[in-house]
Amino acid sequence: MTSEATKETGTPLISIRQLAVDYWTGKSNYFRAVDLVTFDIFRGEVIGLAGESGSGKSTIANAILRLIEPPSKVTGEVKFGQSNILRLNHTQVQAYRWKLVSMIFQGAMNSLDPVFPISDQIVETIRAHEPSTTKEDAMKTALDLFRRVGIDKRRAGDYPHQLSGGMRQRVMIAMALALKPKLLIADEPTSALDVVTQQQIITLLRQLRLEYNLSVLFITHDLPILSEISDRIIVMRQGRIVEVGDRSQIIQHPKHEYTQLLIKSVPTLTGEKNVL
């Protein structure tokens, strides 16, 4: 089965066609985690990728960033501009990652190095991809990014363990924006955060989207969050896309039984039927 999300006009920022990912199990066979997925992301658009754990959401993100290594297999096409990302060599991939597409990885505490101050980690990211940038200039960029994401510059020398979960997530967002990418992949960026902090992160991403004209692929199992931030929502189940639509259609008038079950699974205070 092939599912597709497209727009009538405009050129996609990134086009994914017939993407399939097979993980090597170590037992002389493969497990298909993503099965012939097709969709587009347009400039300035927020796409919500929804589904339960194990549905293939994060695998798609890893495939877009070329993070899946042999013997696992990735087939199909991930086209950014005129380039099929799946066919780039190592040097080309290094130029593509972070400069064109960056990612907020799931679990901010595990993604940050515990033995380096947060500012050093952003400086290192910048200089790894732009070696001609001086340490002083990279630090200026890091401090400006902290300002933009709401981190006081006096915290620049802090270590990850000295920050709250929400602050660590802001550091990850700053790091992902360090090289001004065109597409930001946010993999469960609000998981394990309290509802107040979740709302702060959503508001921040909205602001940054407008400021940078960012495209965002927002991955989560939480449909209420996607109802706040997404333009379109893609619903996945067992590696396949089962429904695609704009935000209001998916939330208010879901067509697929699985989407309907996802919406009904959202708890309410009254126990009555939930309407997001």
C-alpha atoms as a PDB file:
ATOM      1  CA  MET A   1       0.000   0.000   0.000  1.00  0.00           C
ATOM      2  CA  THR A   2       1.256   3.441  -0.903  1.00  0.00           C
ATOM      3  CA  SER A   3      -0.080   6.576   0.759  1.00  0.00           C
ATOM      4  CA  GLU A   4       0.551  10.097  -0.395  1.00  0.00           C
ATOM      5  CA  ALA A   5       0.215  13.637   0.903  1.00  0.00           C
ATOM      6  CA  THR A   6       0.599  16.371  -1.705  1.00  0.00           C
ATOM      7  CA  LYS A   7      -0.414  19.963  -2.407  1.00  0.00           C
ATOM      8  CA  GLU A   8      -1.938  21.288  -5.581  1.00  0.00           C
ATOM      9  CA  THR A   9       0.662  24.019  -6.087  1.00  0.00           C
ATOM     10  CA  GLY A  10       4.231  24.791  -5.112  1.00  0.00           C
ATOM     11  CA  THR A  11       7.456  22.841  -5.159  1.00  0.00           C
ATOM     12  CA  PRO A  12       8.083  20.547  -2.185  1.00  0.00           C
ATOM     13  CA  LEU A  13      11.074  21.267   0.010  1.00  0.00           C
ATOM     14  CA  ILE A  14      11.549  17.533   0.402  1.00  0.00           C
ATOM     15  CA  SER A  15       9.821  14.664  -1.401  1.00  0.00           C
ATOM     16  CA  ILE A  16       9.707  11.157  -0.012  1.00  0.00           C
ATOM     17  CA  ARG A  17       8.732   8.434  -2.467  1.00  0.00           C
ATOM     18  CA  GLN A  18       8.211   4.720  -1.840  1.00  0.00           C
ATOM     19  CA  LEU A  19      10.454   4.855   1.235  1.00  0.00           C
ATOM     20  CA  ALA A  20      11.032   1.450   2.792  1.00  0.00           C
ATOM     21  CA  VAL A  21      13.284   0.577   5.721  1.00  0.00           C
ATOM     22  CA  ASP A  22      14.235  -2.997   6.583  1.00  0.00           C
ATOM     23  CA  TYR A  23      16.112  -3.589   9.827  1.00  0.00           C
ATOM     24  CA  TRP A  24      18.524  -6.485  10.014  1.00  0.00           C
ATOM     25  CA  THR A  25      17.453  -8.668  12.931  1.00  0.00           C
ATOM     26  CA  GLY A  26      20.667 -10.676  13.215  1.00  0.00           C
ATOM     27  CA  LYS A  27      18.754 -13.891  12.543  1.00  0.00           C
ATOM     28  CA  SER A  28      19.248 -14.137   8.783  1.00  0.00           C
ATOM     29  CA  ASN A  29      16.168 -12.044   8.038  1.00  0.00           C
ATOM     30  CA  TYR A  30      14.867  -8.485   7.968  1.00  0.00           C
ATOM     31  CA  PHE A  31      12.018  -6.672   9.693  1.00  0.00           C
ATOM     32  CA  ARG A  32      10.212  -4.043   7.620  1.00  0.00           C
ATOM     33  CA  ALA A  33       9.748  -0.996   9.841  1.00  0.00           C
ATOM     34  CA  VAL A  34       8.615   1.443   7.134  1.00  0.00           C
ATOM     35  CA  ASP A  35       6.642   0.151   4.169  1.00  0.00           C
ATOM     36  CA  LEU A  36       6.512   2.193   0.938  1.00  0.00           C
ATOM     37  CA  VAL A  37       5.771   5.590   2.464  1.00  0.00           C
ATOM     38  CA  THR A  38       5.236   8.617   0.210  1.00  0.00           C
ATOM     39  CA  PHE A  39       4.661  12.253   1.190  1.00  0.00           C
ATOM     40  CA  ASP A  40       5.923  15.805   0.635  1.00  0.00           C
ATOM     41  CA  ILE A  41       6.929  18.616   2.982  1.00  0.00           C
ATOM     42  CA  PHE A  42       6.626  22.198   1.702  1.00  0.00           C
ATOM     43  CA  ARG A  43       8.599  25.283   2.738  1.00  0.00           C
ATOM     44  CA  GLY A  44       7.256  26.800   5.953  1.00  0.00           C
ATOM     45  CA  GLU A  45       4.885  23.892   6.550  1.00  0.00           C
ATOM     46  CA  VAL A  46       4.505  21.909   9.770  1.00  0.00           C
ATOM     47  CA  ILE A  47       3.737  18.245   9.155  1.00  0.00           C
ATOM     48  CA  GLY A  48       2.609  16.179  12.128  1.00  0.00           C
ATOM     49  CA  LEU A  49       3.615  12.517  12.044  1.00  0.00           C
ATOM     50  CA  ALA A  50       1.389  10.603  14.445  1.00  0.00           C
ATOM     51  CA  GLY A  51       1.104   7.005  15.562  1.00  0.00           C
ATOM     52  CA  GLU A  52       1.742   4.668  18.443  1.00  0.00           C
ATOM     53  CA  SER A  53       5.213   3.517  19.465  1.00  0.00           C
ATOM     54  CA  GLY A  54       6.693   1.179  16.863  1.00  0.00           C
ATOM     55  CA  SER A  55       4.683   2.601  13.969  1.00  0.00           C
ATOM     56  CA  GLY A  56       7.821   3.747  12.115  1.00  0.00           C
ATOM     57  CA  LYS A  57       7.773   7.492  12.848  1.00  0.00           C
ATOM     58  CA  SER A  58      11.331   7.828  14.179  1.00  0.00           C
ATOM     59  CA  THR A  59      12.604   5.413  11.538  1.00  0.00           C
ATOM     60  CA  ILE A  60      11.400   7.808   8.833  1.00  0.00           C
ATOM     61  CA  ALA A  61      13.268  10.648  10.567  1.00  0.00           C
ATOM     62  CA  ASN A  62      16.451   8.582  10.764  1.00  0.00           C
ATOM     63  CA  ALA A  63      16.131   7.657   7.083  1.00  0.00           C
ATOM     64  CA  ILE A  64      15.746  11.319   6.079  1.00  0.00           C
ATOM     65  CA  LEU A  65      18.981  12.096   7.958  1.00  0.00           C
ATOM     66  CA  ARG A  66      20.770   9.016   6.600  1.00  0.00           C
ATOM     67  CA  LEU A  67      21.327   7.615  10.094  1.00  0.00           C
ATOM     68  CA  ILE A  68      20.397   4.021   9.248  1.00  0.00           C
ATOM     69  CA  GLU A  69      23.491   1.948   8.547  1.00  0.00           C
ATOM     70  CA  PRO A  70      24.024  -1.415   6.772  1.00  0.00           C
ATOM     71  CA  PRO A  71      23.209  -4.244   7.026  1.00  0.00           C
ATOM     72  CA  SER A  72      19.813  -2.563   7.491  1.00  0.00           C
ATOM     73  CA  LYS A  73      18.399  -1.403   4.154  1.00  0.00           C
ATOM     74  CA  VAL A  74      16.762   1.841   3.021  1.00  0.00           C
ATOM     75  CA  THR A  75      15.157   1.968  -0.426  1.00  0.00           C
ATOM     76  CA  GLY A  76      13.039   4.457  -2.336  1.00  0.00           C
ATOM     77  CA  GLU A  77      13.752   8.150  -2.684  1.00  0.00           C
ATOM     78  CA  VAL A  78      14.300  11.042  -0.286  1.00  0.00           C
ATOM     79  CA  LYS A  79      14.680  14.003  -2.600  1.00  0.00           C
ATOM     80  CA  PHE A  80      15.888  17.384  -1.320  1.00  0.00           C
ATOM     81  CA  GLY A  81      16.045  19.789  -4.248  1.00  0.00           C
ATOM     82  CA  GLN A  82      17.555  17.804  -7.102  1.00  0.00           C
ATOM     83  CA  SER A  83      19.431  15.344  -4.895  1.00  0.00           C
ATOM     84  CA  ASN A  84      18.317  11.916  -3.766  1.00  0.00           C
ATOM     85  CA  ILE A  85      19.711  11.881  -0.239  1.00  0.00           C
ATOM     86  CA  LEU A  86      19.918   8.104  -0.217  1.00  0.00           C
ATOM     87  CA  ARG A  87      22.560   8.252  -2.981  1.00  0.00           C
ATOM     88  CA  LEU A  88      24.876  10.878  -1.498  1.00  0.00           C
ATOM     89  CA  ASN A  89      28.441   9.957  -0.551  1.00  0.00           C
ATOM     90  CA  HIS A  90      29.818  10.507   2.943  1.00  0.00           C
ATOM     91  CA  THR A  91      31.132  14.020   2.247  1.00  0.00           C
ATOM     92  CA  GLN A  92      27.845  15.085   0.667  1.00  0.00           C
ATOM     93  CA  VAL A  93      25.865  13.680   3.595  1.00  0.00           C
ATOM     94  CA  GLN A  94      27.968  15.680   6.040  1.00  0.00           C
ATOM     95  CA  ALA A  95      27.150  18.858   4.101  1.00  0.00           C
ATOM     96  CA  TYR A  96      23.447  17.945   4.064  1.00  0.00           C
ATOM     97  CA  ARG A  97      23.040  17.156   7.754  1.00  0.00           C
ATOM     98  CA  TRP A  98      22.485  20.112  10.071  1.00  0.00           C
ATOM     99  CA  LYS A  99      22.875  22.690   7.263  1.00  0.00           C
ATOM    100  CA  LEU A 100      19.783  21.630   5.315  1.00  0.00           C
ATOM    101  CA  VAL A 101      18.047  19.232   7.701  1.00  0.00           C
ATOM    102  CA  SER A 102      18.545  19.030  11.464  1.00  0.00           C
ATOM    103  CA  MET A 103      16.893  17.070  14.234  1.00  0.00           C
ATOM    104  CA  ILE A 104      15.811  17.444  17.835  1.00  0.00           C
ATOM    105  CA  PHE A 105      16.416  13.934  19.084  1.00  0.00           C
ATOM    106  CA  GLN A 106      14.117  12.184  21.489  1.00  0.00           C
ATOM    107  CA  GLY A 107      15.324  12.487  25.089  1.00  0.00           C
ATOM    108  CA  ALA A 108      17.236  15.748  25.545  1.00  0.00           C
ATOM    109  CA  MET A 109      19.226  14.533  28.557  1.00  0.00           C
ATOM    110  CA  ASN A 110      20.528  11.524  26.638  1.00  0.00           C
ATOM    111  CA  SER A 111      21.322  13.618  23.556  1.00  0.00           C
ATOM    112  CA  LEU A 112      23.519  16.149  25.379  1.00  0.00           C
ATOM    113  CA  ASP A 113      27.042  15.273  26.503  1.00  0.00           C
ATOM    114  CA  PRO A 114      27.064  15.407  30.321  1.00  0.00           C
ATOM    115  CA  VAL A 115      30.740  16.403  30.596  1.00  0.00           C
ATOM    116  CA  PHE A 116      30.677  19.581  28.477  1.00  0.00           C
ATOM    117  CA  PRO A 117      28.947  22.925  29.094  1.00  0.00           C
ATOM    118  CA  ILE A 118      25.940  23.502  26.868  1.00  0.00           C
ATOM    119  CA  SER A 119      27.558  26.419  25.010  1.00  0.00           C
ATOM    120  CA  ASP A 120      30.587  24.285  24.113  1.00  0.00           C
ATOM    121  CA  GLN A 121      28.336  21.676  22.565  1.00  0.00           C
ATOM    122  CA  ILE A 122      26.747  24.211  20.222  1.00  0.00           C
ATOM    123  CA  VAL A 123      30.147  25.710  19.389  1.00  0.00           C
ATOM    124  CA  GLU A 124      31.441  22.243  18.537  1.00  0.00           C
ATOM    125  CA  THR A 125      28.433  21.584  16.276  1.00  0.00           C
ATOM    126  CA  ILE A 126      28.996  24.819  14.362  1.00  0.00           C
ATOM    127  CA  ARG A 127      32.743  24.348  13.925  1.00  0.00           C
ATOM    128  CA  ALA A 128      32.393  20.689  12.915  1.00  0.00           C
ATOM    129  CA  HIS A 129      30.316  21.744   9.907  1.00  0.00           C
ATOM    130  CA  GLU A 130      31.947  25.138   9.314  1.00  0.00           C
ATOM    131  CA  PRO A 131      35.648  24.699  10.187  1.00  0.00           C
ATOM    132  CA  SER A 132      36.504  28.242   9.067  1.00  0.00           C
ATOM    133  CA  THR A 133      34.322  29.710  11.826  1.00  0.00           C
ATOM    134  CA  THR A 134      36.390  30.871  14.775  1.00  0.00           C
ATOM    135  CA  LYS A 135      35.593  29.731  18.281  1.00  0.00           C
ATOM    136  CA  GLU A 136      34.750  33.307  19.234  1.00  0.00           C
ATOM    137  CA  ASP A 137      32.277  33.718  16.366  1.00  0.00           C
ATOM    138  CA  ALA A 138      30.720  30.324  17.098  1.00  0.00           C
ATOM    139  CA  MET A 139      30.268  31.351  20.735  1.00  0.00           C
ATOM    140  CA  LYS A 140      28.537  34.577  19.649  1.00  0.00           C
ATOM    141  CA  THR A 141      26.162  32.494  17.545  1.00  0.00           C
ATOM    142  CA  ALA A 142      25.535  30.138  20.472  1.00  0.00           C
ATOM    143  CA  LEU A 143      24.687  33.023  22.813  1.00  0.00           C
ATOM    144  CA  ASP A 144      22.356  34.539  20.218  1.00  0.00           C
ATOM    145  CA  LEU A 145      20.608  31.179  19.831  1.00  0.00           C
ATOM    146  CA  PHE A 146      20.210  30.924  23.595  1.00  0.00           C
ATOM    147  CA  ARG A 147      18.557  34.344  23.571  1.00  0.00           C
ATOM    148  CA  ARG A 148      16.184  33.276  20.810  1.00  0.00           C
ATOM    149  CA  VAL A 149      15.084  30.122  22.621  1.00  0.00           C
ATOM    150  CA  GLY A 150      14.752  31.841  25.995  1.00  0.00           C
ATOM    151  CA  ILE A 151      17.910  30.756  27.817  1.00  0.00           C
ATOM    152  CA  ASP A 152      19.752  33.402  29.837  1.00  0.00           C
ATOM    153  CA  LYS A 153      23.321  33.806  28.573  1.00  0.00           C
ATOM    154  CA  ARG A 154      24.513  33.406  32.163  1.00  0.00           C
ATOM    155  CA  ARG A 155      23.545  29.735  31.874  1.00  0.00           C
ATOM    156  CA  ALA A 156      25.863  29.187  28.901  1.00  0.00           C
ATOM    157  CA  GLY A 157      28.530  27.593  31.091  1.00  0.00           C
ATOM    158  CA  ASP A 158      26.093  25.226  32.788  1.00  0.00           C
ATOM    159  CA  TYR A 159      26.182  21.486  32.315  1.00  0.00           C
ATOM    160  CA  PRO A 160      23.094  19.519  31.204  1.00  0.00           C
ATOM    161  CA  HIS A 161      22.416  18.118  34.669  1.00  0.00           C
ATOM    162  CA  GLN A 162      22.095  21.679  36.004  1.00  0.00           C
ATOM    163  CA  LEU A 163      19.127  22.399  33.723  1.00  0.00           C
ATOM    164  CA  SER A 164      15.481  21.395  33.925  1.00  0.00           C
ATOM    165  CA  GLY A 165      13.951  19.133  31.285  1.00  0.00           C
ATOM    166  CA  GLY A 166      12.389  22.088  29.510  1.00  0.00           C
ATOM    167  CA  MET A 167      15.673  24.018  29.486  1.00  0.00           C
ATOM    168  CA  ARG A 168      17.545  21.021  28.086  1.00  0.00           C
ATOM    169  CA  GLN A 169      14.949  20.770  25.342  1.00  0.00           C
ATOM    170  CA  ARG A 170      15.535  24.443  24.521  1.00  0.00           C
ATOM    171  CA  VAL A 171      19.258  23.718  24.254  1.00  0.00           C
ATOM    172  CA  MET A 172      18.492  20.940  21.771  1.00  0.00           C
ATOM    173  CA  ILE A 173      16.337  23.315  19.731  1.00  0.00           C
ATOM    174  CA  ALA A 174      19.131  25.918  19.742  1.00  0.00           C
ATOM    175  CA  MET A 175      21.628  23.295  18.597  1.00  0.00           C
ATOM    176  CA  ALA A 176      19.319  22.140  15.807  1.00  0.00           C
ATOM    177  CA  LEU A 177      19.025  25.744  14.555  1.00  0.00           C
ATOM    178  CA  ALA A 178      22.745  26.496  14.751  1.00  0.00           C
ATOM    179  CA  LEU A 179      23.348  26.216  10.992  1.00  0.00           C
ATOM    180  CA  LYS A 180      19.969  27.655   9.914  1.00  0.00           C
ATOM    181  CA  PRO A 181      18.500  24.503   8.362  1.00  0.00           C
ATOM    182  CA  LYS A 182      15.503  24.529   6.057  1.00  0.00           C
ATOM    183  CA  LEU A 183      13.852  21.486   7.672  1.00  0.00           C
ATOM    184  CA  LEU A 184      13.700  20.762  11.396  1.00  0.00           C
ATOM    185  CA  ILE A 185      12.735  17.266  12.510  1.00  0.00           C
ATOM    186  CA  ALA A 186      11.357  17.260  16.058  1.00  0.00           C
ATOM    187  CA  ASP A 187      11.162  13.722  17.433  1.00  0.00           C
ATOM    188  CA  GLU A 188       8.873  13.693  20.484  1.00  0.00           C
ATOM    189  CA  PRO A 189      10.222  17.082  21.659  1.00  0.00           C
ATOM    190  CA  THR A 190       7.632  17.389  24.439  1.00  0.00           C
ATOM    191  CA  SER A 191       7.710  13.856  25.827  1.00  0.00           C
ATOM    192  CA  ALA A 192       8.402  13.544  29.573  1.00  0.00           C
ATOM    193  CA  LEU A 193       7.673  17.268  30.066  1.00  0.00           C
ATOM    194  CA  ASP A 194       4.871  18.659  32.205  1.00  0.00           C
ATOM    195  CA  VAL A 195       1.946  20.272  30.394  1.00  0.00           C
ATOM    196  CA  VAL A 196       3.062  23.838  31.138  1.00  0.00           C
ATOM    197  CA  THR A 197       6.537  23.206  29.729  1.00  0.00           C
ATOM    198  CA  GLN A 198       5.019  21.381  26.755  1.00  0.00           C
ATOM    199  CA  GLN A 199       3.008  24.478  25.913  1.00  0.00           C
ATOM    200  CA  GLN A 200       6.100  26.669  26.208  1.00  0.00           C
ATOM    201  CA  ILE A 201       8.000  24.437  23.767  1.00  0.00           C
ATOM    202  CA  ILE A 202       5.085  24.443  21.302  1.00  0.00           C
ATOM    203  CA  THR A 203       4.872  28.252  21.485  1.00  0.00           C
ATOM    204  CA  LEU A 204       8.633  28.524  20.944  1.00  0.00           C
ATOM    205  CA  LEU A 205       8.530  26.258  17.876  1.00  0.00           C
ATOM    206  CA  ARG A 206       5.682  28.315  16.432  1.00  0.00           C
ATOM    207  CA  GLN A 207       7.721  31.503  16.839  1.00  0.00           C
ATOM    208  CA  LEU A 208      10.876  29.975  15.366  1.00  0.00           C
ATOM    209  CA  ARG A 209       8.934  28.596  12.422  1.00  0.00           C
ATOM    210  CA  LEU A 210       7.856  32.112  11.480  1.00  0.00           C
ATOM    211  CA  GLU A 211      11.219  33.709  12.220  1.00  0.00           C
ATOM    212  CA  TYR A 212      13.256  31.216  10.183  1.00  0.00           C
ATOM    213  CA  ASN A 213      10.553  30.221   7.648  1.00  0.00           C
ATOM    214  CA  LEU A 214      11.184  26.688   8.860  1.00  0.00           C
ATOM    215  CA  SER A 215       9.581  23.525   7.649  1.00  0.00           C
ATOM    216  CA  VAL A 216       8.974  21.176  10.565  1.00  0.00           C
ATOM    217  CA  LEU A 217       8.358  17.435  10.733  1.00  0.00           C
ATOM    218  CA  PHE A 218       6.843  17.052  14.209  1.00  0.00           C
ATOM    219  CA  ILE A 219       6.804  13.449  15.423  1.00  0.00           C
ATOM    220  CA  THR A 220       4.613  12.406  18.332  1.00  0.00           C
ATOM    221  CA  HIS A 221       1.935   9.993  19.490  1.00  0.00           C
ATOM    222  CA  ASP A 222       0.128  12.951  21.077  1.00  0.00           C
ATOM    223  CA  LEU A 223      -2.658  14.116  18.763  1.00  0.00           C
ATOM    224  CA  PRO A 224      -3.722  17.064  20.968  1.00  0.00           C
ATOM    225  CA  ILE A 225      -0.256  18.572  20.494  1.00  0.00           C
ATOM    226  CA  LEU A 226      -0.438  18.079  16.726  1.00  0.00           C
ATOM    227  CA  SER A 227      -3.848  19.743  16.708  1.00  0.00           C
ATOM    228  CA  GLU A 228      -2.131  22.917  17.994  1.00  0.00           C
ATOM    229  CA  ILE A 229       0.895  23.154  15.743  1.00  0.00           C
ATOM    230  CA  SER A 230       0.423  21.160  12.521  1.00  0.00           C
ATOM    231  CA  ASP A 231      -0.828  22.257   9.122  1.00  0.00           C
ATOM    232  CA  ARG A 232      -1.245  18.665   7.974  1.00  0.00           C
ATOM    233  CA  ILE A 233      -1.184  15.402   9.883  1.00  0.00           C
ATOM    234  CA  ILE A 234       0.020  11.998   8.693  1.00  0.00           C
ATOM    235  CA  VAL A 235      -1.173   9.004  10.715  1.00  0.00           C
ATOM    236  CA  MET A 236       0.971   5.867  10.708  1.00  0.00           C
ATOM    237  CA  ARG A 237       0.345   2.313  11.801  1.00  0.00           C
ATOM    238  CA  GLN A 238       2.685  -0.661  11.501  1.00  0.00           C
ATOM    239  CA  GLY A 239       5.043   1.133   9.133  1.00  0.00           C
ATOM    240  CA  ARG A 240       2.375   2.413   6.757  1.00  0.00           C
ATOM    241  CA  ILE A 241       0.486   5.652   6.305  1.00  0.00           C
ATOM    242  CA  VAL A 242      -3.196   5.046   6.962  1.00  0.00           C
ATOM    243  CA  GLU A 243      -4.528   8.602   6.694  1.00  0.00           C
ATOM    244  CA  VAL A 244      -3.374  12.044   5.599  1.00  0.00           C
ATOM    245  CA  GLY A 245      -5.262  15.310   5.856  1.00  0.00           C
ATOM    246  CA  ASP A 246      -5.203  18.873   7.048  1.00  0.00           C
ATOM    247  CA  ARG A 247      -5.378  19.422  10.790  1.00  0.00           C
ATOM    248  CA  SER A 248      -9.099  20.081  11.051  1.00  0.00           C
ATOM    249  CA  GLN A 249     -10.043  17.129   8.866  1.00  0.00           C
ATOM    250  CA  ILE A 250      -7.932  14.651  10.820  1.00  0.00           C
ATOM    251  CA  ILE A 251      -8.992  15.919  14.244  1.00  0.00           C
ATOM    252  CA  GLN A 252     -12.659  16.674  13.591  1.00  0.00           C
ATOM    253  CA  HIS A 253     -13.537  14.215  10.817  1.00  0.00           C
ATOM    254  CA  PRO A 254     -11.102  11.273  10.844  1.00  0.00           C
ATOM    255  CA  LYS A 255     -11.862   8.719   8.156  1.00  0.00           C
ATOM    256  CA  HIS A 256      -9.722   5.753   9.127  1.00  0.00           C
ATOM    257  CA  GLU A 257     -10.758   3.548  12.030  1.00  0.00           C
ATOM    258  CA  TYR A 258      -7.258   3.669  13.520  1.00  0.00           C
ATOM    259  CA  THR A 259      -7.239   7.490  13.535  1.00  0.00           C
ATOM    260  CA  GLN A 260     -10.635   7.440  15.219  1.00  0.00           C
ATOM    261  CA  LEU A 261      -9.284   5.099  17.891  1.00  0.00           C
ATOM    262  CA  LEU A 262      -6.245   7.337  18.469  1.00  0.00           C
ATOM    263  CA  ILE A 263      -8.503  10.335  19.045  1.00  0.00           C
ATOM    264  CA  LYS A 264     -10.826   8.383  21.340  1.00  0.00           C
ATOM    265  CA  SER A 265      -7.829   7.221  23.380  1.00  0.00           C
ATOM    266  CA  VAL A 266      -7.081  10.792  24.497  1.00  0.00           C
ATOM    267  CA  PRO A 267      -8.219  11.005  28.151  1.00  0.00           C
ATOM    268  CA  THR A 268     -10.703  13.647  29.276  1.00  0.00           C
ATOM    269  CA  LEU A 269     -11.538  15.005  32.711  1.00  0.00           C
ATOM    270  CA  THR A 270     -15.230  14.134  32.380  1.00  0.00           C
ATOM    271  CA  GLY A 271     -15.023  10.768  30.680  1.00  0.00           C
ATOM    272  CA  GLU A 272     -17.201  12.040  27.865  1.00  0.00           C
ATOM    273  CA  LYS A 273     -16.351  11.652  24.198  1.00  0.00           C
ATOM    274  CA  ASN A 274     -13.269  13.703  23.466  1.00  0.00           C
ATOM    275  CA  VAL A 275     -13.177  16.467  20.870  1.00  0.00           C
ATOM    276  CA  LEU A 276      -9.695  17.961  20.451  1.00  0.00           C
END
